[in-house]
């Protein structure tokens, strides 16, 4: 299993590659995938909120707030990043939420099929979904347990999921060299396992944390208290609330143990990034807050006010929910920083990117932080490395030699002892890349273009490169490395 995980068996990658092979634009594919995942997430959260509040209007407003604002509880900014590089996590999370929809409906046959299929799209998240569902099973009453047992028999969703998983795994294990577009970059010297351990300890960002983050613990504790209140008040929905409590408590346990093990020098578990599950809280946070406040106001009205001003109370609930989210956002600086970053993005120079897109090249391009994303979205050009984040390496260990040589050739960094400027950053700082490549001669570019199969450079206007640009835009220049360099 470890080999399958580390070599990144992933049905999503296979589906994407299939559509690329069929000639679809990568940006078009990403938009379709984000549309599907966003629909699954919104659809499921809508039904979850309706179940807990029994109010269609409040449910719609809550789901809209989920995407309009970044005020979510947890490390990440999910699900605010509707369009983000975290496609694999979002896809698996959308499938988990789709499974929760069928759990709400107590339709266990498709639920079990989705659980199995999620394993193929994200093996860790799929197994996490399966384990939490098994735990939930033992906390359910015998009537629901019997329904689940019956759903396991003659379940065509299970058969279909197993067939799709088997086909995907067969392609991965036996047709990988023909199916995947791998660079196959090789380097002499160190063993890949040794390099991977160095990468996780010295280069990886997500797996480098070791603090407990008290703010995170406080937020999750408050969410659990809200769920406990809902559990006491909504007996009919207790099975679903149990599942949410199980997911959050288990993610919290893994988060704490991850930090404890790391602080005592145990890092082998980091490859599976157990702290990732804490992000699940952010998907449910606004729904739980909204449902709790609705239930609380409803109880206050029933026990104390005994009034008929329910519509007014609903309006008060909406205002309080928004204010509450603002208060919680103060404890989540990552979300605020992300929002500011998106708000300050410059207008895209579409004329420049259309000219870049028209360039027919065989290789990849070297980019900076901003152009790394834009070159894929608007220029239909693949960066030689993702400047804004290279945390894919633990899932594609075949690229570890490539990454080692890249940071040595382009950044003059010692892979075993990176400088503080880039250590555990998870991205390539522009100032470091700029400082190094501005010294490269024409001969050096010629050598690197052949070694890394580079066809061009897309870099900011104020970067002084020894080559002459062939396309100049408002923000970037395009340099061609195909043919004779000048």
Foldseek 3Di string as FASTA:
>chain_A
DLVCQQQFQAVVVLVLLVVVVVPDASLVVLVVLLVVLLCLLLVLQLVVLCVLQVDNVLSVLLSVCQQVAQLFAFQDSPPVCSPDPPSLVSNLLSLLSNLLSCVSVLVQLLSVLSLLLSCRHPVLSSVLSVVLVVVLLVVDDPVSVVSNVVSVPPRVSNVVSVVVSVVSVCCVPPVVVPRDDDPLDDDDDDDLVVLVVLCLDWFAALLPDQDLQVLSVVLLVVLLVLLVVSCVVCVVCNSSSVSVNSLQVVLNVLSVVSNVCVVVPNRPCSLSPSNVSRCVRRSCVLSSLLSSLSVVLVVCCVPPVVDPVNVVSNVVSSVVSVVVSVVSVVSHVNSVVVVVVVVPDDDDQLVLLVVLLPDDADFAEAEAQVVQVVCSNRNVGHHLARQVARNCCSSNSSCSNVVCVCCCLQQVAHSNHGDPVRTSPRGHHPVRNLVRQQPDDQVSLLVCCVSSVHFKYWYFPPRRHNFDFPTDDPTTTIGTNPDDTD
